[in-house]
Amino acid sequence: MSQRSKVIQLYKTLLYMGRDYPRGYEFFKKNLKKAFEKNKGETDPEKIDKMLAHGNYVIKELEALYMLRKYRTLKNRYQNL
């Protein structure tokens, strides 16, 4: 898989995950676009790999954030019974 396709796949994944972002989808989309445009001229394959690794880390952090939010919601629902 080429780096270009990895970057596109990362962008699509992050964009999809941004739908549930606490501060809103538009906020997430705007900042995501800024972050990708800031680095669009990068040509060093090692730096691109580091940025892809960081993007995958962000995906894992977002998943953890969403799971924590679901856990807190369920905890609050059943605590009030």
Protein backbone atom coordinates (compact mmCIF):
# COMPACT_ATOMS: atom_id res chain seq x y z
CA MET A 1 0.00 0.00 0.00
CA SER A 2 1.49 3.35 -0.99
CA GLN A 3 1.93 6.19 1.48
CA ARG A 4 -0.56 8.31 -0.43
CA SER A 5 -3.30 5.72 -0.03
CA LYS A 6 -2.40 5.29 3.66
CA VAL A 7 -2.76 9.05 4.20
CA ILE A 8 -6.10 9.13 2.38
CA GLN A 9 -7.34 6.16 4.40
CA LEU A 10 -6.22 7.82 7.64
CA TYR A 11 -8.03 11.04 6.69
CA LYS A 12 -11.23 9.16 5.87
CA THR A 13 -11.08 7.18 9.11
CA LEU A 14 -10.52 10.30 11.21
CA LEU A 15 -13.28 12.14 9.37
CA TYR A 16 -15.68 9.26 10.06
CA MET A 17 -14.70 9.13 13.72
CA GLY A 18 -15.19 12.89 14.05
CA ARG A 19 -18.95 12.51 13.77
CA ASP A 20 -19.18 11.76 17.51
CA TYR A 21 -16.60 14.32 18.65
CA PRO A 22 -17.83 16.17 21.77
CA ARG A 23 -17.17 19.67 20.39
CA GLY A 24 -19.02 18.95 17.17
CA TYR A 25 -18.34 17.53 13.73
CA GLU A 26 -17.69 20.89 12.05
CA PHE A 27 -15.05 21.81 14.64
CA PHE A 28 -13.34 18.45 14.19
CA LYS A 29 -13.54 18.58 10.39
CA LYS A 30 -12.07 22.10 10.23
CA ASN A 31 -9.12 21.23 12.48
CA LEU A 32 -8.50 17.93 10.72
CA LYS A 33 -8.36 19.67 7.35
CA LYS A 34 -5.95 22.29 8.72
CA ALA A 35 -3.64 19.61 10.12
CA PHE A 36 -3.52 17.68 6.85
CA GLU A 37 -3.08 20.81 4.71
CA LYS A 38 -0.23 22.00 6.94
CA ASN A 39 1.77 18.89 6.07
CA LYS A 40 0.68 18.36 2.47
CA GLY A 41 4.05 19.41 1.05
CA GLU A 42 6.03 16.86 3.06
CA THR A 43 8.05 14.49 0.86
CA ASP A 44 10.36 12.75 3.34
CA PRO A 45 9.08 9.14 3.67
CA GLU A 46 10.34 8.81 7.26
CA LYS A 47 8.49 11.93 8.41
CA ILE A 48 5.37 10.78 6.62
CA ASP A 49 5.59 7.41 8.40
CA LYS A 50 5.94 9.22 11.74
CA MET A 51 2.90 11.35 10.98
CA LEU A 52 0.92 8.25 9.98
CA ALA A 53 1.91 6.60 13.26
CA HIS A 54 0.77 9.71 15.13
CA GLY A 55 -2.52 9.64 13.21
CA ASN A 56 -3.09 6.03 14.22
CA TYR A 57 -2.35 7.02 17.82
CA VAL A 58 -5.01 9.74 17.57
CA ILE A 59 -7.49 7.15 16.30
CA LYS A 60 -6.84 4.99 19.36
CA GLU A 61 -7.23 8.00 21.65
CA LEU A 62 -10.54 8.92 20.03
CA GLU A 63 -11.77 5.35 20.47
CA ALA A 64 -10.81 5.51 24.15
CA LEU A 65 -12.59 8.86 24.52
CA TYR A 66 -15.77 7.50 22.98
CA MET A 67 -15.68 4.31 25.08
CA LEU A 68 -15.20 6.37 28.24
CA ARG A 69 -18.14 8.57 27.30
CA LYS A 70 -20.34 5.49 26.74
CA TYR A 71 -19.18 4.01 30.04
CA ARG A 72 -19.99 7.19 31.96
CA THR A 73 -23.43 7.41 30.34
CA LEU A 74 -24.28 3.82 31.25
CA LYS A 75 -22.92 4.27 34.75
CA ASN A 76 -25.06 7.36 35.29
CA ARG A 77 -28.18 5.64 33.94
CA TYR A 78 -27.88 2.63 36.20
CA GLN A 79 -26.68 4.56 39.21
CA ASN A 80 -29.90 6.56 39.28
CA LEU A 81 -32.17 3.51 39.50
